[in-house]
């Protein structure tokens, strides 16, 4: 069985009375880190996409200038 964050969260939810508070805090912190990491990756992908589109548009503009000459 693969033990990932969901596994530990479900175990903590099933037996939250005996689960140490430090474990619950760690699970919460790990979930927040995953969320932040997902946002950072999304922003980086968006920036890469914008850079690509900008490069294509600049390339088209330069190609049009060369064709007019």
PDB file of N, CA and C in Angstrom:
ATOM      1  N   UNK A   1       0.838  -1.190   0.000  1.00  0.00           N
ATOM      2  CA  UNK A   1       0.000   0.000   0.000  1.00  0.00           C
ATOM      3  C   UNK A   1       0.881   1.251   0.000  1.00  0.00           C
ATOM      4  N   UNK A   2       0.558   2.186  -0.869  1.00  0.00           N
ATOM      5  CA  UNK A   2       1.305   3.426  -0.962  1.00  0.00           C
ATOM      6  C   UNK A   2       0.864   4.370   0.155  1.00  0.00           C
ATOM      7  N   UNK A   3       1.832   4.810   0.944  1.00  0.00           N
ATOM      8  CA  UNK A   3       1.517   5.705   2.058  1.00  0.00           C
ATOM      9  C   UNK A   3       1.866   7.126   1.656  1.00  0.00           C
ATOM     10  N   UNK A   4       0.843   7.884   1.259  1.00  0.00           N
ATOM     11  CA  UNK A   4       1.041   9.276   0.891  1.00  0.00           C
ATOM     12  C   UNK A   4       0.290  10.159   1.884  1.00  0.00           C
ATOM     13  N   UNK A   5       0.216  11.428   1.587  1.00  0.00           N
ATOM     14  CA  UNK A   5      -0.418  12.376   2.491  1.00  0.00           C
ATOM     15  C   UNK A   5      -1.881  12.028   2.747  1.00  0.00           C
ATOM     16  N   UNK A   6      -2.591  11.567   1.726  1.00  0.00           N
ATOM     17  CA  UNK A   6      -4.002  11.189   1.903  1.00  0.00           C
ATOM     18  C   UNK A   6      -4.147  10.034   2.884  1.00  0.00           C
ATOM     19  N   UNK A   7      -3.237   9.068   2.807  1.00  0.00           N
ATOM     20  CA  UNK A   7      -3.262   7.924   3.717  1.00  0.00           C
ATOM     21  C   UNK A   7      -3.156   8.390   5.174  1.00  0.00           C
ATOM     22  N   UNK A   8      -2.175   9.253   5.436  1.00  0.00           N
ATOM     23  CA  UNK A   8      -1.979   9.726   6.812  1.00  0.00           C
ATOM     24  C   UNK A   8      -3.127  10.618   7.275  1.00  0.00           C
ATOM     25  N   UNK A   9      -3.681  11.422   6.364  1.00  0.00           N
ATOM     26  CA  UNK A   9      -4.803  12.276   6.737  1.00  0.00           C
ATOM     27  C   UNK A   9      -6.021  11.436   7.100  1.00  0.00           C
ATOM     28  N   UNK A  10      -6.312  10.397   6.316  1.00  0.00           N
ATOM     29  CA  UNK A  10      -7.464   9.540   6.610  1.00  0.00           C
ATOM     30  C   UNK A  10      -7.292   8.815   7.937  1.00  0.00           C
ATOM     31  N   UNK A  11      -6.080   8.335   8.199  1.00  0.00           N
ATOM     32  CA  UNK A  11      -5.824   7.681   9.483  1.00  0.00           C
ATOM     33  C   UNK A  11      -6.015   8.657  10.643  1.00  0.00           C
ATOM     34  N   UNK A  12      -5.548   9.883  10.470  1.00  0.00           N
ATOM     35  CA  UNK A  12      -5.693  10.879  11.528  1.00  0.00           C
ATOM     36  C   UNK A  12      -7.159  11.252  11.727  1.00  0.00           C
ATOM     37  N   UNK A  13      -7.943  11.312  10.649  1.00  0.00           N
ATOM     38  CA  UNK A  13      -9.361  11.641  10.765  1.00  0.00           C
ATOM     39  C   UNK A  13     -10.131  10.519  11.455  1.00  0.00           C
ATOM     40  N   UNK A  14      -9.764   9.274  11.156  1.00  0.00           N
ATOM     41  CA  UNK A  14     -10.470   8.138  11.758  1.00  0.00           C
ATOM     42  C   UNK A  14     -10.202   8.040  13.261  1.00  0.00           C
ATOM     43  N   UNK A  15      -8.997   8.405  13.678  1.00  0.00           N
ATOM     44  CA  UNK A  15      -8.629   8.258  15.091  1.00  0.00           C
ATOM     45  C   UNK A  15      -8.049   9.572  15.613  1.00  0.00           C
ATOM     46  N   UNK A  16      -8.806  10.666  15.385  1.00  0.00           N
ATOM     47  CA  UNK A  16      -8.270  11.983  15.720  1.00  0.00           C
ATOM     48  C   UNK A  16      -8.112  12.212  17.217  1.00  0.00           C
ATOM     49  N   UNK A  17      -8.827  11.458  18.040  1.00  0.00           N
ATOM     50  CA  UNK A  17      -8.726  11.630  19.496  1.00  0.00           C
ATOM     51  C   UNK A  17      -7.331  11.239  19.984  1.00  0.00           C
ATOM     52  N   UNK A  18      -6.784  10.173  19.439  1.00  0.00           N
ATOM     53  CA  UNK A  18      -5.476   9.702  19.903  1.00  0.00           C
ATOM     54  C   UNK A  18      -4.321  10.175  19.013  1.00  0.00           C
ATOM     55  N   UNK A  19      -4.628  10.868  17.924  1.00  0.00           N
ATOM     56  CA  UNK A  19      -3.564  11.370  17.047  1.00  0.00           C
ATOM     57  C   UNK A  19      -2.920  12.589  17.692  1.00  0.00           C
ATOM     58  N   UNK A  20      -1.602  12.577  17.834  1.00  0.00           N
ATOM     59  CA  UNK A  20      -0.930  13.738  18.445  1.00  0.00           C
ATOM     60  C   UNK A  20      -1.145  15.010  17.628  1.00  0.00           C
ATOM     61  N   UNK A  21      -1.237  16.129  18.338  1.00  0.00           N
ATOM     62  CA  UNK A  21      -1.474  17.409  17.669  1.00  0.00           C
ATOM     63  C   UNK A  21      -0.336  17.750  16.712  1.00  0.00           C
ATOM     64  N   UNK A  22       0.871  17.304  17.031  1.00  0.00           N
ATOM     65  CA  UNK A  22       2.007  17.579  16.149  1.00  0.00           C
ATOM     66  C   UNK A  22       1.823  16.904  14.788  1.00  0.00           C
ATOM     67  N   UNK A  23       1.237  15.723  14.785  1.00  0.00           N
ATOM     68  CA  UNK A  23       0.983  15.017  13.526  1.00  0.00           C
ATOM     69  C   UNK A  23      -0.090  15.752  12.728  1.00  0.00           C
ATOM     70  N   UNK A  24      -1.134  16.212  13.404  1.00  0.00           N
ATOM     71  CA  UNK A  24      -2.191  16.955  12.719  1.00  0.00           C
ATOM     72  C   UNK A  24      -1.651  18.264  12.133  1.00  0.00           C
ATOM     73  N   UNK A  25      -0.785  18.941  12.886  1.00  0.00           N
ATOM     74  CA  UNK A  25      -0.171  20.173  12.370  1.00  0.00           C
ATOM     75  C   UNK A  25       0.713  19.880  11.169  1.00  0.00           C
ATOM     76  N   UNK A  26       1.471  18.795  11.247  1.00  0.00           N
ATOM     77  CA  UNK A  26       2.355  18.435  10.142  1.00  0.00           C
ATOM     78  C   UNK A  26       1.553  18.143   8.875  1.00  0.00           C
ATOM     79  N   UNK A  27       0.449  17.431   9.025  1.00  0.00           N
ATOM     80  CA  UNK A  27      -0.405  17.126   7.873  1.00  0.00           C
ATOM     81  C   UNK A  27      -0.960  18.416   7.278  1.00  0.00           C
ATOM     82  N   UNK A  28      -1.427  19.316   8.126  1.00  0.00           N
ATOM     83  CA  UNK A  28      -1.946  20.599   7.639  1.00  0.00           C
ATOM     84  C   UNK A  28      -0.883  21.411   6.931  1.00  0.00           C
ATOM     85  N   UNK A  29       0.324  21.428   7.499  1.00  0.00           N
ATOM     86  CA  UNK A  29       1.419  22.165   6.877  1.00  0.00           C
ATOM     87  C   UNK A  29       1.813  21.555   5.534  1.00  0.00           C
ATOM     88  N   UNK A  30       1.831  20.235   5.460  1.00  0.00           N
ATOM     89  CA  UNK A  30       2.173  19.556   4.204  1.00  0.00           C
ATOM     90  C   UNK A  30       1.120  19.855   3.129  1.00  0.00           C
ATOM     91  N   UNK A  31      -0.146  19.895   3.513  1.00  0.00           N
ATOM     92  CA  UNK A  31      -1.200  20.213   2.548  1.00  0.00           C
ATOM     93  C   UNK A  31      -1.063  21.644   2.047  1.00  0.00           C
ATOM     94  N   UNK A  32      -0.733  22.583   2.935  1.00  0.00           N
ATOM     95  CA  UNK A  32      -0.535  23.973   2.515  1.00  0.00           C
ATOM     96  C   UNK A  32       0.649  24.079   1.565  1.00  0.00           C
ATOM     97  N   UNK A  33       1.729  23.360   1.856  1.00  0.00           N
ATOM     98  CA  UNK A  33       2.901  23.388   0.975  1.00  0.00           C
ATOM     99  C   UNK A  33       2.550  22.853  -0.414  1.00  0.00           C
ATOM    100  N   UNK A  34       1.761  21.790  -0.451  1.00  0.00           N
ATOM    101  CA  UNK A  34       1.337  21.235  -1.750  1.00  0.00           C
ATOM    102  C   UNK A  34       0.521  22.254  -2.531  1.00  0.00           C
ATOM    103  N   UNK A  35      -0.346  22.978  -1.846  1.00  0.00           N
ATOM    104  CA  UNK A  35      -1.168  23.992  -2.506  1.00  0.00           C
ATOM    105  C   UNK A  35      -0.297  25.116  -3.052  1.00  0.00           C
ATOM    106  N   UNK A  36       0.630  25.592  -2.233  1.00  0.00           N
ATOM    107  CA  UNK A  36       1.518  26.676  -2.659  1.00  0.00           C
ATOM    108  C   UNK A  36       2.384  26.218  -3.825  1.00  0.00           C
ATOM    109  N   UNK A  37       2.895  25.003  -3.752  1.00  0.00           N
ATOM    110  CA  UNK A  37       3.725  24.479  -4.832  1.00  0.00           C
ATOM    111  C   UNK A  37       2.930  24.395  -6.139  1.00  0.00           C
ATOM    112  N   UNK A  38       1.682  23.977  -6.049  1.00  0.00           N
ATOM    113  CA  UNK A  38       0.825  23.923  -7.237  1.00  0.00           C
ATOM    114  C   UNK A  38       0.614  25.297  -7.845  1.00  0.00           C
ATOM    115  N   UNK A  39       0.439  26.310  -6.997  1.00  0.00           N
ATOM    116  CA  UNK A  39       0.249  27.678  -7.485  1.00  0.00           C
ATOM    117  C   UNK A  39       1.524  28.175  -8.158  1.00  0.00           C
ATOM    118  N   UNK A  40       2.675  27.913  -7.539  1.00  0.00           N
ATOM    119  CA  UNK A  40       3.953  28.352  -8.109  1.00  0.00           C
ATOM    120  C   UNK A  40       4.186  27.702  -9.472  1.00  0.00           C
ATOM    121  N   UNK A  41       3.918  26.421  -9.574  1.00  0.00           N
ATOM    122  CA  UNK A  41       4.093  25.722 -10.846  1.00  0.00           C
ATOM    123  C   UNK A  41       3.152  26.297 -11.907  1.00  0.00           C
ATOM    124  N   UNK A  42       1.914  26.578 -11.525  1.00  0.00           N
ATOM    125  CA  UNK A  42       0.956  27.157 -12.469  1.00  0.00           C
ATOM    126  C   UNK A  42       1.425  28.518 -12.972  1.00  0.00           C
ATOM    127  N   UNK A  43       1.936  29.350 -12.070  1.00  0.00           N
ATOM    128  CA  UNK A  43       2.414  30.680 -12.459  1.00  0.00           C
ATOM    129  C   UNK A  43       3.617  30.555 -13.393  1.00  0.00           C
ATOM    130  N   UNK A  44       4.540  29.656 -13.080  1.00  0.00           N
ATOM    131  CA  UNK A  44       5.704  29.469 -13.940  1.00  0.00           C
ATOM    132  C   UNK A  44       5.314  28.988 -15.337  1.00  0.00           C
ATOM    133  N   UNK A  45       4.372  28.076 -15.407  1.00  0.00           N
ATOM    134  CA  UNK A  45       3.896  27.611 -16.713  1.00  0.00           C
ATOM    135  C   UNK A  45       3.238  28.747 -17.492  1.00  0.00           C
ATOM    136  N   UNK A  46       2.480  29.587 -16.804  1.00  0.00           N
ATOM    137  CA  UNK A  46       1.836  30.719 -17.452  1.00  0.00           C
ATOM    138  C   UNK A  46       2.873  31.702 -17.989  1.00  0.00           C
ATOM    139  N   UNK A  47       3.914  31.977 -17.209  1.00  0.00           N
ATOM    140  CA  UNK A  47       4.983  32.875 -17.651  1.00  0.00           C
ATOM    141  C   UNK A  47       5.701  32.289 -18.870  1.00  0.00           C
ATOM    142  N   UNK A  48       5.959  30.995 -18.846  1.00  0.00           N
ATOM    143  CA  UNK A  48       6.589  30.340 -20.002  1.00  0.00           C
ATOM    144  C   UNK A  48       5.707  30.453 -21.238  1.00  0.00           C
ATOM    145  N   UNK A  49       4.420  30.268 -21.059  1.00  0.00           N
ATOM    146  CA  UNK A  49       3.477  30.386 -22.175  1.00  0.00           C
ATOM    147  C   UNK A  49       3.486  31.800 -22.737  1.00  0.00           C
ATOM    148  N   UNK A  50       3.451  32.804 -21.844  1.00  0.00           N
ATOM    149  CA  UNK A  50       3.476  34.192 -22.312  1.00  0.00           C
ATOM    150  C   UNK A  50       4.781  34.510 -23.035  1.00  0.00           C
ATOM    151  N   UNK A  51       5.883  33.982 -22.535  1.00  0.00           N
ATOM    152  CA  UNK A  51       7.175  34.197 -23.202  1.00  0.00           C
ATOM    153  C   UNK A  51       7.177  33.573 -24.588  1.00  0.00           C
ATOM    154  N   UNK A  52       6.611  32.398 -24.700  1.00  0.00           N
ATOM    155  CA  UNK A  52       6.529  31.730 -25.996  1.00  0.00           C
ATOM    156  C   UNK A  52       5.690  32.546 -26.971  1.00  0.00           C
ATOM    157  N   UNK A  53       4.523  32.977 -26.528  1.00  0.00           N
ATOM    158  CA  UNK A  53       3.642  33.769 -27.387  1.00  0.00           C
ATOM    159  C   UNK A  53       4.325  35.075 -27.782  1.00  0.00           C
ATOM    160  N   UNK A  54       5.001  35.713 -26.820  1.00  0.00           N
ATOM    161  CA  UNK A  54       5.724  36.945 -27.123  1.00  0.00           C
ATOM    162  C   UNK A  54       6.805  36.711 -28.159  1.00  0.00           C
ATOM    163  N   UNK A  55       7.518  35.606 -28.052  1.00  0.00           N
ATOM    164  CA  UNK A  55       8.550  35.279 -29.038  1.00  0.00           C
ATOM    165  C   UNK A  55       7.973  35.039 -30.411  1.00  0.00           C
ATOM    166  N   UNK A  56       6.837  34.386 -30.469  1.00  0.00           N
ATOM    167  CA  UNK A  56       6.183  34.135 -31.760  1.00  0.00           C
ATOM    168  C   UNK A  56       5.750  35.456 -32.385  1.00  0.00           C
ATOM    169  N   UNK A  57       5.160  36.326 -31.591  1.00  0.00           N
ATOM    170  CA  UNK A  57       4.694  37.613 -32.126  1.00  0.00           C
ATOM    171  C   UNK A  57       5.867  38.477 -32.584  1.00  0.00           C
ATOM    172  N   UNK A  58       6.952  38.476 -31.819  1.00  0.00           N
ATOM    173  CA  UNK A  58       8.141  39.239 -32.223  1.00  0.00           C
ATOM    174  C   UNK A  58       8.715  38.666 -33.510  1.00  0.00           C
ATOM    175  N   UNK A  59       8.735  37.341 -33.606  1.00  0.00           N
ATOM    176  CA  UNK A  59       9.227  36.699 -34.825  1.00  0.00           C
ATOM    177  C   UNK A  59       8.385  37.043 -36.033  1.00  0.00           C
ATOM    178  N   UNK A  60       7.070  37.059 -35.860  1.00  0.00           N
ATOM    179  CA  UNK A  60       6.185  37.423 -36.972  1.00  0.00           C
ATOM    180  C   UNK A  60       6.388  38.877 -37.371  1.00  0.00           C
ATOM    181  N   UNK A  61       6.570  39.748 -36.396  1.00  0.00           N
ATOM    182  CA  UNK A  61       6.769  41.164 -36.697  1.00  0.00           C
ATOM    183  C   UNK A  61       8.074  41.359 -37.483  1.00  0.00           C
ATOM    184  N   UNK A  62       9.138  40.685 -37.062  1.00  0.00           N
ATOM    185  CA  UNK A  62      10.408  40.792 -37.776  1.00  0.00           C
ATOM    186  C   UNK A  62      10.306  40.206 -39.184  1.00  0.00           C
ATOM    187  N   UNK A  63       9.552  39.126 -39.330  1.00  0.00           N
ATOM    188  CA  UNK A  63       9.394  38.501 -40.648  1.00  0.00           C
ATOM    189  C   UNK A  63       8.623  39.441 -41.572  1.00  0.00           C
ATOM    190  N   UNK A  64       7.596  40.100 -41.065  1.00  0.00           N
ATOM    191  CA  UNK A  64       6.830  41.055 -41.873  1.00  0.00           C
ATOM    192  C   UNK A  64       7.684  42.244 -42.287  1.00  0.00           C
ATOM    193  N   UNK A  65       8.549  42.707 -41.400  1.00  0.00           N
ATOM    194  CA  UNK A  65       9.433  43.835 -41.720  1.00  0.00           C
ATOM    195  C   UNK A  65      10.386  43.439 -42.825  1.00  0.00           C
ATOM    196  N   UNK A  66      10.934  42.236 -42.759  1.00  0.00           N
ATOM    197  CA  UNK A  66      11.879  41.762 -43.776  1.00  0.00           C
ATOM    198  C   UNK A  66      11.182  41.576 -45.123  1.00  0.00           C
ATOM    199  N   UNK A  67       9.930  41.127 -45.107  1.00  0.00           N
ATOM    200  CA  UNK A  67       9.207  40.930 -46.365  1.00  0.00           C
ATOM    201  C   UNK A  67       8.915  42.270 -47.057  1.00  0.00           C
ATOM    202  N   UNK A  68       8.677  43.321 -46.296  1.00  0.00           N
ATOM    203  CA  UNK A  68       8.384  44.625 -46.865  1.00  0.00           C
ATOM    204  C   UNK A  68       9.609  45.244 -47.523  1.00  0.00           C
ATOM    205  N   UNK A  69      10.804  44.877 -47.044  1.00  0.00           N
ATOM    206  CA  UNK A  69      12.040  45.439 -47.620  1.00  0.00           C
ATOM    207  C   UNK A  69      12.290  44.829 -48.923  1.00  0.00           C
TER     208      UNK A  69
END
